[in-house]
Amino acid sequence: MDTKARIRIILALAFCLAAAVLSGILLGQHHGEPWATSTVTEHCGDGESSGCEDVARSAWSTLAGMPLAALGLAFYASLALLGCLALFAPAGVRKALIGFVLIPCLLLGLAFDLFLLMLQAFAIHAWCPFCIATYVLALAALLVLLPFRGSLRR
């Protein structure tokens, strides 16, 4: 594998890991963990001035009783694991992992992120910078992997 491809995979892996970490912090905040609550408060504000708190306490913060932050943590950690596999896989497997699993998963995740962003804007009327950062990181991971699409046809 050439150096450029390796760097792209490592970057996507790093973006997914960063999004997983942010999701973990949000999950900790959701459960009232002091370390997570203080981290979020430090970056988002306190109490009524905190968009993060408004989003976390909204009815939209869970899906079937599961915190969305937990789903985000599982999603991004899974993508990071797939990125690790792609980094060390043979060329054919790497192309399949990236082209038929990672890129479609990121696209589906970004569609869901857009839905969540619209919820923040139109239903909750508050913004969570941590949530938005995970959306941006997912977009960045997708953008660095998109050049692999062309190599699938070869």
C-alpha atoms as a PDB file:
ATOM      1  CA  MET A   1       0.000   0.000   0.000  1.00  0.00           C
ATOM      2  CA  ASP A   2       1.348   3.407  -0.874  1.00  0.00           C
ATOM      3  CA  THR A   3       2.064   6.027   1.775  1.00  0.00           C
ATOM      4  CA  LYS A   4      -0.804   8.318   0.735  1.00  0.00           C
ATOM      5  CA  ALA A   5      -3.361   5.544   1.166  1.00  0.00           C
ATOM      6  CA  ARG A   6      -1.914   4.594   4.544  1.00  0.00           C
ATOM      7  CA  ILE A   7      -2.067   8.232   5.703  1.00  0.00           C
ATOM      8  CA  ARG A   8      -5.694   8.528   4.549  1.00  0.00           C
ATOM      9  CA  ILE A   9      -6.706   5.427   6.475  1.00  0.00           C
ATOM     10  CA  ILE A  10      -4.834   6.584   9.584  1.00  0.00           C
ATOM     11  CA  LEU A  11      -6.510   9.998   9.373  1.00  0.00           C
ATOM     12  CA  ALA A  12      -9.967   8.435   9.026  1.00  0.00           C
ATOM     13  CA  LEU A  13      -9.153   6.151  11.948  1.00  0.00           C
ATOM     14  CA  ALA A  14      -8.059   9.138  14.062  1.00  0.00           C
ATOM     15  CA  PHE A  15     -11.229  11.087  13.176  1.00  0.00           C
ATOM     16  CA  CYS A  16     -13.402   8.107  14.149  1.00  0.00           C
ATOM     17  CA  LEU A  17     -11.492   7.619  17.410  1.00  0.00           C
ATOM     18  CA  ALA A  18     -11.873  11.314  18.252  1.00  0.00           C
ATOM     19  CA  ALA A  19     -15.623  11.097  17.565  1.00  0.00           C
ATOM     20  CA  ALA A  20     -15.799   7.990  19.788  1.00  0.00           C
ATOM     21  CA  VAL A  21     -14.048   9.861  22.599  1.00  0.00           C
ATOM     22  CA  LEU A  22     -16.473  12.782  22.294  1.00  0.00           C
ATOM     23  CA  SER A  23     -19.405  10.362  22.254  1.00  0.00           C
ATOM     24  CA  GLY A  24     -17.994   8.723  25.383  1.00  0.00           C
ATOM     25  CA  ILE A  25     -17.828  12.095  27.117  1.00  0.00           C
ATOM     26  CA  LEU A  26     -21.426  12.806  26.101  1.00  0.00           C
ATOM     27  CA  LEU A  27     -22.484   9.380  27.366  1.00  0.00           C
ATOM     28  CA  GLY A  28     -20.790  10.087  30.683  1.00  0.00           C
ATOM     29  CA  GLN A  29     -22.600  13.416  30.868  1.00  0.00           C
ATOM     30  CA  HIS A  30     -25.893  11.706  30.076  1.00  0.00           C
ATOM     31  CA  HIS A  31     -25.378   9.428  33.084  1.00  0.00           C
ATOM     32  CA  GLY A  32     -24.234  12.291  35.323  1.00  0.00           C
ATOM     33  CA  GLU A  33     -20.607  11.204  35.653  1.00  0.00           C
ATOM     34  CA  PRO A  34     -18.766  14.090  37.377  1.00  0.00           C
ATOM     35  CA  TRP A  35     -15.695  13.968  35.100  1.00  0.00           C
ATOM     36  CA  ALA A  36     -17.860  14.122  31.964  1.00  0.00           C
ATOM     37  CA  THR A  37     -20.247  16.730  33.323  1.00  0.00           C
ATOM     38  CA  SER A  38     -17.354  19.007  34.272  1.00  0.00           C
ATOM     39  CA  THR A  39     -15.727  18.513  30.853  1.00  0.00           C
ATOM     40  CA  VAL A  40     -18.940  19.398  29.038  1.00  0.00           C
ATOM     41  CA  THR A  41     -19.657  22.327  31.395  1.00  0.00           C
ATOM     42  CA  GLU A  42     -16.141  23.649  30.852  1.00  0.00           C
ATOM     43  CA  HIS A  43     -16.611  23.743  27.079  1.00  0.00           C
ATOM     44  CA  CYS A  44     -20.348  24.365  26.681  1.00  0.00           C
ATOM     45  CA  GLY A  45     -21.338  26.525  29.620  1.00  0.00           C
ATOM     46  CA  ASP A  46     -23.291  25.861  32.762  1.00  0.00           C
ATOM     47  CA  GLY A  47     -26.966  25.199  33.456  1.00  0.00           C
ATOM     48  CA  GLU A  48     -29.388  27.280  31.429  1.00  0.00           C
ATOM     49  CA  SER A  49     -26.669  28.730  29.212  1.00  0.00           C
ATOM     50  CA  SER A  50     -25.574  25.273  28.093  1.00  0.00           C
ATOM     51  CA  GLY A  51     -26.859  24.017  24.762  1.00  0.00           C
ATOM     52  CA  CYS A  52     -25.251  20.672  25.580  1.00  0.00           C
ATOM     53  CA  GLU A  53     -27.367  20.350  28.711  1.00  0.00           C
ATOM     54  CA  ASP A  54     -30.540  21.242  26.793  1.00  0.00           C
ATOM     55  CA  VAL A  55     -29.783  18.641  24.141  1.00  0.00           C
ATOM     56  CA  ALA A  56     -28.789  15.979  26.689  1.00  0.00           C
ATOM     57  CA  ARG A  57     -31.979  16.456  28.707  1.00  0.00           C
ATOM     58  CA  SER A  58     -34.327  16.579  25.728  1.00  0.00           C
ATOM     59  CA  ALA A  59     -36.697  13.753  24.854  1.00  0.00           C
ATOM     60  CA  TRP A  60     -34.605  13.287  21.684  1.00  0.00           C
ATOM     61  CA  SER A  61     -31.457  12.256  23.574  1.00  0.00           C
ATOM     62  CA  THR A  62     -32.478   8.577  23.658  1.00  0.00           C
ATOM     63  CA  LEU A  63     -33.715   6.072  21.129  1.00  0.00           C
ATOM     64  CA  ALA A  64     -35.758   3.178  22.536  1.00  0.00           C
ATOM     65  CA  GLY A  65     -34.314   3.932  25.966  1.00  0.00           C
ATOM     66  CA  MET A  66     -30.699   3.931  24.768  1.00  0.00           C
ATOM     67  CA  PRO A  67     -28.749   7.203  24.914  1.00  0.00           C
ATOM     68  CA  LEU A  68     -27.789   8.399  21.440  1.00  0.00           C
ATOM     69  CA  ALA A  69     -24.302   9.012  22.819  1.00  0.00           C
ATOM     70  CA  ALA A  70     -23.995   5.248  23.453  1.00  0.00           C
ATOM     71  CA  LEU A  71     -25.009   4.560  19.866  1.00  0.00           C
ATOM     72  CA  GLY A  72     -22.471   7.134  18.700  1.00  0.00           C
ATOM     73  CA  LEU A  73     -19.743   5.580  20.824  1.00  0.00           C
ATOM     74  CA  ALA A  74     -20.478   2.106  19.436  1.00  0.00           C
ATOM     75  CA  PHE A  75     -20.748   3.425  15.867  1.00  0.00           C
ATOM     76  CA  TYR A  76     -17.487   5.388  15.858  1.00  0.00           C
ATOM     77  CA  ALA A  77     -15.552   2.721  17.776  1.00  0.00           C
ATOM     78  CA  SER A  78     -16.735   0.127  15.230  1.00  0.00           C
ATOM     79  CA  LEU A  79     -15.635   2.333  12.350  1.00  0.00           C
ATOM     80  CA  ALA A  80     -12.252   2.830  14.007  1.00  0.00           C
ATOM     81  CA  LEU A  81     -11.882  -0.945  14.366  1.00  0.00           C
ATOM     82  CA  LEU A  82     -12.760  -1.389  10.689  1.00  0.00           C
ATOM     83  CA  GLY A  83     -10.183   1.288   9.879  1.00  0.00           C
ATOM     84  CA  CYS A  84      -7.550  -0.716  11.790  1.00  0.00           C
ATOM     85  CA  LEU A  85      -8.506  -3.824   9.870  1.00  0.00           C
ATOM     86  CA  ALA A  86      -8.314  -1.934   6.579  1.00  0.00           C
ATOM     87  CA  LEU A  87      -4.874  -0.597   7.487  1.00  0.00           C
ATOM     88  CA  PHE A  88      -3.405  -4.076   7.812  1.00  0.00           C
ATOM     89  CA  ALA A  89      -5.573  -6.029   5.364  1.00  0.00           C
ATOM     90  CA  PRO A  90      -4.477  -7.260   1.929  1.00  0.00           C
ATOM     91  CA  ALA A  91      -5.332  -4.887  -0.938  1.00  0.00           C
ATOM     92  CA  GLY A  92      -8.536  -6.644  -2.030  1.00  0.00           C
ATOM     93  CA  VAL A  93      -9.938  -6.850   1.474  1.00  0.00           C
ATOM     94  CA  ARG A  94      -8.913  -3.239   2.166  1.00  0.00           C
ATOM     95  CA  LYS A  95     -10.785  -2.011  -0.909  1.00  0.00           C
ATOM     96  CA  ALA A  96     -13.877  -3.978   0.102  1.00  0.00           C
ATOM     97  CA  LEU A  97     -13.757  -2.740   3.699  1.00  0.00           C
ATOM     98  CA  ILE A  98     -13.393   0.870   2.699  1.00  0.00           C
ATOM     99  CA  GLY A  99     -15.620   0.889  -0.374  1.00  0.00           C
ATOM    100  CA  PHE A 100     -18.415  -1.408   0.707  1.00  0.00           C
ATOM    101  CA  VAL A 101     -18.446  -0.961   4.487  1.00  0.00           C
ATOM    102  CA  LEU A 102     -16.702   2.182   5.775  1.00  0.00           C
ATOM    103  CA  ILE A 103     -17.860   4.682   3.160  1.00  0.00           C
ATOM    104  CA  PRO A 104     -21.514   3.510   3.140  1.00  0.00           C
ATOM    105  CA  CYS A 105     -21.575   3.429   6.961  1.00  0.00           C
ATOM    106  CA  LEU A 106     -20.173   6.949   7.121  1.00  0.00           C
ATOM    107  CA  LEU A 107     -22.761   8.121   4.592  1.00  0.00           C
ATOM    108  CA  LEU A 108     -25.590   6.583   6.625  1.00  0.00           C
ATOM    109  CA  GLY A 109     -24.121   8.039   9.800  1.00  0.00           C
ATOM    110  CA  LEU A 110     -23.918  11.484   8.232  1.00  0.00           C
ATOM    111  CA  ALA A 111     -27.540  11.246   7.104  1.00  0.00           C
ATOM    112  CA  PHE A 112     -28.487  10.485  10.722  1.00  0.00           C
ATOM    113  CA  ASP A 113     -26.208  13.336  11.888  1.00  0.00           C
ATOM    114  CA  LEU A 114     -28.053  15.714   9.577  1.00  0.00           C
ATOM    115  CA  PHE A 115     -31.338  14.565  11.133  1.00  0.00           C
ATOM    116  CA  LEU A 116     -29.895  15.177  14.618  1.00  0.00           C
ATOM    117  CA  LEU A 117     -28.638  18.606  13.571  1.00  0.00           C
ATOM    118  CA  MET A 118     -32.119  19.486  12.313  1.00  0.00           C
ATOM    119  CA  LEU A 119     -33.560  18.312  15.645  1.00  0.00           C
ATOM    120  CA  GLN A 120     -31.178  20.620  17.486  1.00  0.00           C
ATOM    121  CA  ALA A 121     -32.170  23.514  15.263  1.00  0.00           C
ATOM    122  CA  PHE A 122     -35.920  23.046  14.982  1.00  0.00           C
ATOM    123  CA  ALA A 123     -37.134  20.856  17.863  1.00  0.00           C
ATOM    124  CA  ILE A 124     -34.726  21.464  20.747  1.00  0.00           C
ATOM    125  CA  HIS A 125     -33.647  25.008  19.800  1.00  0.00           C
ATOM    126  CA  ALA A 126     -30.206  24.462  21.311  1.00  0.00           C
ATOM    127  CA  TRP A 127     -26.784  23.531  19.994  1.00  0.00           C
ATOM    128  CA  CYS A 128     -24.378  20.997  21.461  1.00  0.00           C
ATOM    129  CA  PRO A 129     -20.833  21.741  20.255  1.00  0.00           C
ATOM    130  CA  PHE A 130     -19.697  18.225  21.221  1.00  0.00           C
ATOM    131  CA  CYS A 131     -22.435  16.671  19.074  1.00  0.00           C
ATOM    132  CA  ILE A 132     -21.617  18.954  16.173  1.00  0.00           C
ATOM    133  CA  ALA A 133     -17.920  18.099  16.522  1.00  0.00           C
ATOM    134  CA  THR A 134     -18.763  14.405  16.069  1.00  0.00           C
ATOM    135  CA  TYR A 135     -20.676  15.272  12.885  1.00  0.00           C
ATOM    136  CA  VAL A 136     -17.698  17.233  11.544  1.00  0.00           C
ATOM    137  CA  LEU A 137     -15.293  14.411  12.420  1.00  0.00           C
ATOM    138  CA  ALA A 138     -17.488  11.892  10.588  1.00  0.00           C
ATOM    139  CA  LEU A 139     -17.551  14.175   7.545  1.00  0.00           C
ATOM    140  CA  ALA A 140     -13.764  14.522   7.697  1.00  0.00           C
ATOM    141  CA  ALA A 141     -13.350  10.731   7.864  1.00  0.00           C
ATOM    142  CA  LEU A 142     -15.604  10.339   4.836  1.00  0.00           C
ATOM    143  CA  LEU A 143     -13.752  13.005   2.853  1.00  0.00           C
ATOM    144  CA  VAL A 144     -10.334  11.421   3.418  1.00  0.00           C
ATOM    145  CA  LEU A 145     -11.674   8.007   2.365  1.00  0.00           C
ATOM    146  CA  LEU A 146     -13.557   9.123  -0.764  1.00  0.00           C
ATOM    147  CA  PRO A 147     -10.500   8.792  -3.058  1.00  0.00           C
ATOM    148  CA  PHE A 148     -10.652   5.029  -2.435  1.00  0.00           C
ATOM    149  CA  ARG A 149     -13.952   4.876  -4.349  1.00  0.00           C
ATOM    150  CA  GLY A 150     -12.154   5.217  -7.655  1.00  0.00           C
ATOM    151  CA  SER A 151      -9.789   2.366  -6.856  1.00  0.00           C
ATOM    152  CA  LEU A 152     -12.703  -0.066  -6.430  1.00  0.00           C
ATOM    153  CA  ARG A 153     -13.250  -0.242 -10.190  1.00  0.00           C
ATOM    154  CA  ARG A 154      -9.690  -1.292 -10.924  1.00  0.00           C
END
